[in-house]
Amino acid sequence: MTSAPERKAIITLIQQANGPCKVWCWDITYCLLREQCLHQPLVLHADNGAPMKAQTMKAKLEELGVLPSYSRPPGQ
């Protein structure tokens, strides 16, 4: 008799929105599937704002294998 594969524990961070625009998240899975780029290198193009350049965001991008890009086209 073989045992079931070990499952990893999923830790859920509960965020509490106590007003409008307090908690934000996004899921780009539908874009990856629609554009058929699920198994290609991913690049997150973002502005130079503090949340997108924070160390925790950079660490998560690295963990997920996503390359950050903070460049803008000329003239913008």
PDB file of N, CA and C in Angstrom:
ATOM      1  N   MET A   1       0.846  -1.183   0.000  1.00  0.00           N
ATOM      2  CA  MET A   1       0.000   0.000   0.000  1.00  0.00           C
ATOM      3  C   MET A   1       0.887   1.241   0.000  1.00  0.00           C
ATOM      4  N   THR A   2       0.666   2.120  -0.953  1.00  0.00           N
ATOM      5  CA  THR A   2       1.461   3.340  -1.019  1.00  0.00           C
ATOM      6  C   THR A   2       0.720   4.464  -0.318  1.00  0.00           C
ATOM      7  N   SER A   3       1.487   5.322   0.279  1.00  0.00           N
ATOM      8  CA  SER A   3       0.869   6.453   0.980  1.00  0.00           C
ATOM      9  C   SER A   3       0.631   7.606   0.016  1.00  0.00           C
ATOM     10  N   ALA A   4      -0.295   8.468   0.399  1.00  0.00           N
ATOM     11  CA  ALA A   4      -0.613   9.636  -0.410  1.00  0.00           C
ATOM     12  C   ALA A   4       0.572  10.593  -0.392  1.00  0.00           C
ATOM     13  N   PRO A   5       0.760  11.348  -1.481  1.00  0.00           N
ATOM     14  CA  PRO A   5       1.864  12.313  -1.495  1.00  0.00           C
ATOM     15  C   PRO A   5       1.685  13.359  -0.401  1.00  0.00           C
ATOM     16  N   GLU A   6       2.805  13.797   0.140  1.00  0.00           N
ATOM     17  CA  GLU A   6       2.759  14.789   1.207  1.00  0.00           C
ATOM     18  C   GLU A   6       2.301  16.136   0.648  1.00  0.00           C
ATOM     19  N   ARG A   7       1.413  16.774   1.354  1.00  0.00           N
ATOM     20  CA  ARG A   7       0.924  18.100   0.941  1.00  0.00           C
ATOM     21  C   ARG A   7       1.659  19.181   1.706  1.00  0.00           C
ATOM     22  N   LYS A   8       1.898  20.277   1.020  1.00  0.00           N
ATOM     23  CA  LYS A   8       2.507  21.422   1.682  1.00  0.00           C
ATOM     24  C   LYS A   8       1.414  22.226   2.380  1.00  0.00           C
ATOM     25  N   ALA A   9       1.742  22.752   3.521  1.00  0.00           N
ATOM     26  CA  ALA A   9       0.780  23.588   4.247  1.00  0.00           C
ATOM     27  C   ALA A   9       0.629  24.918   3.518  1.00  0.00           C
ATOM     28  N   ILE A  10      -0.583  25.369   3.408  1.00  0.00           N
ATOM     29  CA  ILE A  10      -0.864  26.660   2.792  1.00  0.00           C
ATOM     30  C   ILE A  10      -1.210  27.641   3.901  1.00  0.00           C
ATOM     31  N   ILE A  11      -0.438  28.682   3.981  1.00  0.00           N
ATOM     32  CA  ILE A  11      -0.684  29.712   4.992  1.00  0.00           C
ATOM     33  C   ILE A  11      -1.432  30.850   4.324  1.00  0.00           C
ATOM     34  N   THR A  12      -2.572  31.176   4.873  1.00  0.00           N
ATOM     35  CA  THR A  12      -3.387  32.246   4.320  1.00  0.00           C
ATOM     36  C   THR A  12      -3.194  33.493   5.163  1.00  0.00           C
ATOM     37  N   LEU A  13      -2.782  34.552   4.532  1.00  0.00           N
ATOM     38  CA  LEU A  13      -2.650  35.832   5.211  1.00  0.00           C
ATOM     39  C   LEU A  13      -3.972  36.566   5.075  1.00  0.00           C
ATOM     40  N   ILE A  14      -4.590  36.855   6.178  1.00  0.00           N
ATOM     41  CA  ILE A  14      -5.892  37.517   6.145  1.00  0.00           C
ATOM     42  C   ILE A  14      -5.670  39.025   6.211  1.00  0.00           C
ATOM     43  N   GLN A  15      -6.182  39.690   5.207  1.00  0.00           N
ATOM     44  CA  GLN A  15      -6.114  41.145   5.157  1.00  0.00           C
ATOM     45  C   GLN A  15      -7.494  41.694   5.492  1.00  0.00           C
ATOM     46  N   GLN A  16      -7.539  42.766   6.231  1.00  0.00           N
ATOM     47  CA  GLN A  16      -8.817  43.369   6.579  1.00  0.00           C
ATOM     48  C   GLN A  16      -8.904  44.735   5.929  1.00  0.00           C
ATOM     49  N   ALA A  17      -9.908  44.896   5.076  1.00  0.00           N
ATOM     50  CA  ALA A  17     -10.138  46.189   4.430  1.00  0.00           C
ATOM     51  C   ALA A  17     -11.099  46.975   5.311  1.00  0.00           C
ATOM     52  N   ASN A  18     -10.610  48.032   5.932  1.00  0.00           N
ATOM     53  CA  ASN A  18     -11.463  48.849   6.789  1.00  0.00           C
ATOM     54  C   ASN A  18     -11.883  50.141   6.101  1.00  0.00           C
ATOM     55  N   GLY A  19     -11.789  50.143   4.788  1.00  0.00           N
ATOM     56  CA  GLY A  19     -12.207  51.279   3.988  1.00  0.00           C
ATOM     57  C   GLY A  19     -11.943  50.984   2.527  1.00  0.00           C
ATOM     58  N   PRO A  20     -12.413  51.845   1.634  1.00  0.00           N
ATOM     59  CA  PRO A  20     -12.186  51.600   0.207  1.00  0.00           C
ATOM     60  C   PRO A  20     -10.699  51.661  -0.148  1.00  0.00           C
ATOM     61  N   CYS A  21     -10.310  50.843  -1.093  1.00  0.00           N
ATOM     62  CA  CYS A  21      -8.937  50.822  -1.635  1.00  0.00           C
ATOM     63  C   CYS A  21      -7.881  50.487  -0.589  1.00  0.00           C
ATOM     64  N   LYS A  22      -8.201  49.658   0.363  1.00  0.00           N
ATOM     65  CA  LYS A  22      -7.245  49.292   1.408  1.00  0.00           C
ATOM     66  C   LYS A  22      -6.516  47.990   1.105  1.00  0.00           C
ATOM     67  N   VAL A  23      -7.154  47.043   0.419  1.00  0.00           N
ATOM     68  CA  VAL A  23      -6.535  45.764   0.092  1.00  0.00           C
ATOM     69  C   VAL A  23      -6.688  45.536  -1.402  1.00  0.00           C
ATOM     70  N   TRP A  24      -5.563  45.275  -2.061  1.00  0.00           N
ATOM     71  CA  TRP A  24      -5.572  45.051  -3.505  1.00  0.00           C
ATOM     72  C   TRP A  24      -4.830  43.760  -3.811  1.00  0.00           C
ATOM     73  N   CYS A  25      -5.246  43.062  -4.834  1.00  0.00           N
ATOM     74  CA  CYS A  25      -4.528  41.907  -5.325  1.00  0.00           C
ATOM     75  C   CYS A  25      -4.888  41.715  -6.792  1.00  0.00           C
ATOM     76  N   TRP A  26      -4.110  40.884  -7.472  1.00  0.00           N
ATOM     77  CA  TRP A  26      -4.428  40.601  -8.855  1.00  0.00           C
ATOM     78  C   TRP A  26      -4.012  39.180  -9.194  1.00  0.00           C
ATOM     79  N   ASP A  27      -4.648  38.654 -10.227  1.00  0.00           N
ATOM     80  CA  ASP A  27      -4.340  37.312 -10.695  1.00  0.00           C
ATOM     81  C   ASP A  27      -4.213  37.396 -12.212  1.00  0.00           C
ATOM     82  N   ILE A  28      -3.046  37.049 -12.733  1.00  0.00           N
ATOM     83  CA  ILE A  28      -2.814  37.181 -14.173  1.00  0.00           C
ATOM     84  C   ILE A  28      -2.912  35.852 -14.899  1.00  0.00           C
ATOM     85  N   THR A  29      -3.424  34.831 -14.220  1.00  0.00           N
ATOM     86  CA  THR A  29      -3.502  33.501 -14.828  1.00  0.00           C
ATOM     87  C   THR A  29      -4.253  33.530 -16.144  1.00  0.00           C
ATOM     88  N   TYR A  30      -5.391  34.236 -16.175  1.00  0.00           N
ATOM     89  CA  TYR A  30      -6.188  34.284 -17.409  1.00  0.00           C
ATOM     90  C   TYR A  30      -5.401  34.910 -18.557  1.00  0.00           C
ATOM     91  N   CYS A  31      -4.565  35.877 -18.261  1.00  0.00           N
ATOM     92  CA  CYS A  31      -3.741  36.495 -19.311  1.00  0.00           C
ATOM     93  C   CYS A  31      -2.719  35.491 -19.844  1.00  0.00           C
ATOM     94  N   LEU A  32      -2.105  34.756 -18.940  1.00  0.00           N
ATOM     95  CA  LEU A  32      -1.100  33.780 -19.352  1.00  0.00           C
ATOM     96  C   LEU A  32      -1.705  32.701 -20.235  1.00  0.00           C
ATOM     97  N   LEU A  33      -2.897  32.263 -19.861  1.00  0.00           N
ATOM     98  CA  LEU A  33      -3.560  31.217 -20.638  1.00  0.00           C
ATOM     99  C   LEU A  33      -4.020  31.755 -21.990  1.00  0.00           C
ATOM    100  N   ARG A  34      -4.606  32.939 -21.985  1.00  0.00           N
ATOM    101  CA  ARG A  34      -5.115  33.532 -23.226  1.00  0.00           C
ATOM    102  C   ARG A  34      -3.988  33.797 -24.213  1.00  0.00           C
ATOM    103  N   GLU A  35      -2.881  34.292 -23.726  1.00  0.00           N
ATOM    104  CA  GLU A  35      -1.762  34.640 -24.592  1.00  0.00           C
ATOM    105  C   GLU A  35      -0.833  33.441 -24.846  1.00  0.00           C
ATOM    106  N   GLN A  36      -1.158  32.320 -24.279  1.00  0.00           N
ATOM    107  CA  GLN A  36      -0.386  31.081 -24.442  1.00  0.00           C
ATOM    108  C   GLN A  36       1.094  31.268 -24.088  1.00  0.00           C
ATOM    109  N   CYS A  37       1.332  31.937 -22.994  1.00  0.00           N
ATOM    110  CA  CYS A  37       2.718  32.164 -22.578  1.00  0.00           C
ATOM    111  C   CYS A  37       2.970  31.610 -21.175  1.00  0.00           C
ATOM    112  N   LEU A  38       2.179  30.628 -20.801  1.00  0.00           N
ATOM    113  CA  LEU A  38       2.273  30.083 -19.452  1.00  0.00           C
ATOM    114  C   LEU A  38       3.654  29.522 -19.137  1.00  0.00           C
ATOM    115  N   HIS A  39       4.337  28.951 -20.112  1.00  0.00           N
ATOM    116  CA  HIS A  39       5.635  28.326 -19.852  1.00  0.00           C
ATOM    117  C   HIS A  39       6.795  29.117 -20.451  1.00  0.00           C
ATOM    118  N   GLN A  40       6.587  30.388 -20.707  1.00  0.00           N
ATOM    119  CA  GLN A  40       7.649  31.260 -21.214  1.00  0.00           C
ATOM    120  C   GLN A  40       8.106  32.164 -20.083  1.00  0.00           C
ATOM    121  N   PRO A  41       9.309  32.716 -20.199  1.00  0.00           N
ATOM    122  CA  PRO A  41       9.770  33.632 -19.147  1.00  0.00           C
ATOM    123  C   PRO A  41       8.803  34.810 -18.995  1.00  0.00           C
ATOM    124  N   LEU A  42       8.542  35.169 -17.753  1.00  0.00           N
ATOM    125  CA  LEU A  42       7.620  36.261 -17.475  1.00  0.00           C
ATOM    126  C   LEU A  42       8.373  37.493 -17.013  1.00  0.00           C
ATOM    127  N   VAL A  43       7.896  38.656 -17.441  1.00  0.00           N
ATOM    128  CA  VAL A  43       8.464  39.937 -17.033  1.00  0.00           C
ATOM    129  C   VAL A  43       7.321  40.790 -16.521  1.00  0.00           C
ATOM    130  N   LEU A  44       7.462  41.324 -15.327  1.00  0.00           N
ATOM    131  CA  LEU A  44       6.464  42.228 -14.768  1.00  0.00           C
ATOM    132  C   LEU A  44       6.921  43.650 -15.021  1.00  0.00           C
ATOM    133  N   HIS A  45       6.210  44.356 -15.890  1.00  0.00           N
ATOM    134  CA  HIS A  45       6.512  45.760 -16.158  1.00  0.00           C
ATOM    135  C   HIS A  45       5.728  46.593 -15.157  1.00  0.00           C
ATOM    136  N   ALA A  46       6.425  47.384 -14.381  1.00  0.00           N
ATOM    137  CA  ALA A  46       5.782  48.169 -13.334  1.00  0.00           C
ATOM    138  C   ALA A  46       6.356  49.572 -13.298  1.00  0.00           C
ATOM    139  N   ASP A  47       5.629  50.442 -12.603  1.00  0.00           N
ATOM    140  CA  ASP A  47       6.140  51.797 -12.428  1.00  0.00           C
ATOM    141  C   ASP A  47       7.255  51.765 -11.373  1.00  0.00           C
ATOM    142  N   ASN A  48       7.792  52.902 -11.065  1.00  0.00           N
ATOM    143  CA  ASN A  48       8.885  52.986 -10.094  1.00  0.00           C
ATOM    144  C   ASN A  48       8.372  53.273  -8.692  1.00  0.00           C
ATOM    145  N   GLY A  49       7.099  52.967  -8.438  1.00  0.00           N
ATOM    146  CA  GLY A  49       6.509  53.210  -7.125  1.00  0.00           C
ATOM    147  C   GLY A  49       7.100  52.305  -6.057  1.00  0.00           C
ATOM    148  N   ALA A  50       7.058  52.796  -4.832  1.00  0.00           N
ATOM    149  CA  ALA A  50       7.632  52.069  -3.699  1.00  0.00           C
ATOM    150  C   ALA A  50       7.065  50.658  -3.533  1.00  0.00           C
ATOM    151  N   PRO A  51       5.743  50.427  -3.664  1.00  0.00           N
ATOM    152  CA  PRO A  51       5.234  49.062  -3.473  1.00  0.00           C
ATOM    153  C   PRO A  51       5.810  48.073  -4.482  1.00  0.00           C
ATOM    154  N   MET A  52       6.002  48.500  -5.711  1.00  0.00           N
ATOM    155  CA  MET A  52       6.491  47.592  -6.740  1.00  0.00           C
ATOM    156  C   MET A  52       8.001  47.368  -6.652  1.00  0.00           C
ATOM    157  N   LYS A  53       8.712  48.240  -5.945  1.00  0.00           N
ATOM    158  CA  LYS A  53      10.163  48.088  -5.811  1.00  0.00           C
ATOM    159  C   LYS A  53      10.575  47.632  -4.414  1.00  0.00           C
ATOM    160  N   ALA A  54       9.584  47.352  -3.564  1.00  0.00           N
ATOM    161  CA  ALA A  54       9.867  46.916  -2.195  1.00  0.00           C
ATOM    162  C   ALA A  54      10.595  45.572  -2.195  1.00  0.00           C
ATOM    163  N   GLN A  55      11.381  45.340  -1.179  1.00  0.00           N
ATOM    164  CA  GLN A  55      12.168  44.108  -1.087  1.00  0.00           C
ATOM    165  C   GLN A  55      11.278  42.867  -1.030  1.00  0.00           C
ATOM    166  N   THR A  56      10.117  42.950  -0.362  1.00  0.00           N
ATOM    167  CA  THR A  56       9.242  41.781  -0.302  1.00  0.00           C
ATOM    168  C   THR A  56       8.687  41.443  -1.681  1.00  0.00           C
ATOM    169  N   MET A  57       8.382  42.464  -2.476  1.00  0.00           N
ATOM    170  CA  MET A  57       7.884  42.228  -3.836  1.00  0.00           C
ATOM    171  C   MET A  57       9.003  41.639  -4.696  1.00  0.00           C
ATOM    172  N   LYS A  58      10.203  42.199  -4.583  1.00  0.00           N
ATOM    173  CA  LYS A  58      11.343  41.678  -5.340  1.00  0.00           C
ATOM    174  C   LYS A  58      11.617  40.227  -4.973  1.00  0.00           C
ATOM    175  N   ALA A  59      11.532  39.895  -3.692  1.00  0.00           N
ATOM    176  CA  ALA A  59      11.771  38.517  -3.249  1.00  0.00           C
ATOM    177  C   ALA A  59      10.711  37.579  -3.813  1.00  0.00           C
ATOM    178  N   LYS A  60       9.451  37.998  -3.824  1.00  0.00           N
ATOM    179  CA  LYS A  60       8.381  37.155  -4.354  1.00  0.00           C
ATOM    180  C   LYS A  60       8.553  36.948  -5.853  1.00  0.00           C
ATOM    181  N   LEU A  61       8.908  38.004  -6.578  1.00  0.00           N
ATOM    182  CA  LEU A  61       9.138  37.870  -8.016  1.00  0.00           C
ATOM    183  C   LEU A  61      10.255  36.866  -8.288  1.00  0.00           C
ATOM    184  N   GLU A  62      11.334  36.961  -7.511  1.00  0.00           N
ATOM    185  CA  GLU A  62      12.453  36.038  -7.682  1.00  0.00           C
ATOM    186  C   GLU A  62      12.012  34.607  -7.378  1.00  0.00           C
ATOM    187  N   GLU A  63      11.241  34.435  -6.313  1.00  0.00           N
ATOM    188  CA  GLU A  63      10.745  33.107  -5.937  1.00  0.00           C
ATOM    189  C   GLU A  63       9.896  32.499  -7.056  1.00  0.00           C
ATOM    190  N   LEU A  64       9.114  33.337  -7.726  1.00  0.00           N
ATOM    191  CA  LEU A  64       8.230  32.870  -8.792  1.00  0.00           C
ATOM    192  C   LEU A  64       8.909  32.810 -10.155  1.00  0.00           C
ATOM    193  N   GLY A  65      10.151  33.293 -10.231  1.00  0.00           N
ATOM    194  CA  GLY A  65      10.860  33.269 -11.506  1.00  0.00           C
ATOM    195  C   GLY A  65      10.401  34.353 -12.466  1.00  0.00           C
ATOM    196  N   VAL A  66       9.911  35.460 -11.919  1.00  0.00           N
ATOM    197  CA  VAL A  66       9.432  36.577 -12.733  1.00  0.00           C
ATOM    198  C   VAL A  66      10.487  37.679 -12.718  1.00  0.00           C
ATOM    199  N   LEU A  67      10.824  38.195 -13.895  1.00  0.00           N
ATOM    200  CA  LEU A  67      11.816  39.277 -13.985  1.00  0.00           C
ATOM    201  C   LEU A  67      11.133  40.621 -13.847  1.00  0.00           C
ATOM    202  N   PRO A  68      11.617  41.483 -12.964  1.00  0.00           N
ATOM    203  CA  PRO A  68      11.023  42.829 -12.843  1.00  0.00           C
ATOM    204  C   PRO A  68      11.572  43.761 -13.913  1.00  0.00           C
ATOM    205  N   SER A  69      10.743  44.686 -14.368  1.00  0.00           N
ATOM    206  CA  SER A  69      11.163  45.708 -15.326  1.00  0.00           C
ATOM    207  C   SER A  69      10.557  47.029 -14.889  1.00  0.00           C
ATOM    208  N   TYR A  70      11.404  47.993 -14.670  1.00  0.00           N
ATOM    209  CA  TYR A  70      10.934  49.303 -14.229  1.00  0.00           C
ATOM    210  C   TYR A  70      11.208  50.383 -15.255  1.00  0.00           C
ATOM    211  N   SER A  71      11.482  49.969 -16.467  1.00  0.00           N
ATOM    212  CA  SER A  71      11.810  50.939 -17.509  1.00  0.00           C
ATOM    213  C   SER A  71      10.545  51.508 -18.135  1.00  0.00           C
ATOM    214  N   ARG A  72      10.666  52.670 -18.728  1.00  0.00           N
ATOM    215  CA  ARG A  72       9.568  53.305 -19.440  1.00  0.00           C
ATOM    216  C   ARG A  72      10.007  53.578 -20.870  1.00  0.00           C
ATOM    217  N   PRO A  73       9.053  53.573 -21.785  1.00  0.00           N
ATOM    218  CA  PRO A  73       9.404  53.977 -23.159  1.00  0.00           C
ATOM    219  C   PRO A  73       9.869  55.425 -23.181  1.00  0.00           C
ATOM    220  N   PRO A  74      10.753  55.796 -24.117  1.00  0.00           N
ATOM    221  CA  PRO A  74      11.217  57.178 -24.190  1.00  0.00           C
ATOM    222  C   PRO A  74      10.059  58.158 -24.347  1.00  0.00           C
ATOM    223  N   GLY A  75      10.195  59.298 -23.651  1.00  0.00           N
ATOM    224  CA  GLY A  75       9.204  60.361 -23.778  1.00  0.00           C
ATOM    225  C   GLY A  75       8.018  60.234 -22.831  1.00  0.00           C
ATOM    226  N   GLN A  76       8.094  59.320 -21.896  1.00  0.00           N
ATOM    227  CA  GLN A  76       6.964  59.179 -20.952  1.00  0.00           C
ATOM    228  C   GLN A  76       7.383  59.472 -19.555  1.00  0.00           C
TER     229      GLN A  76
END
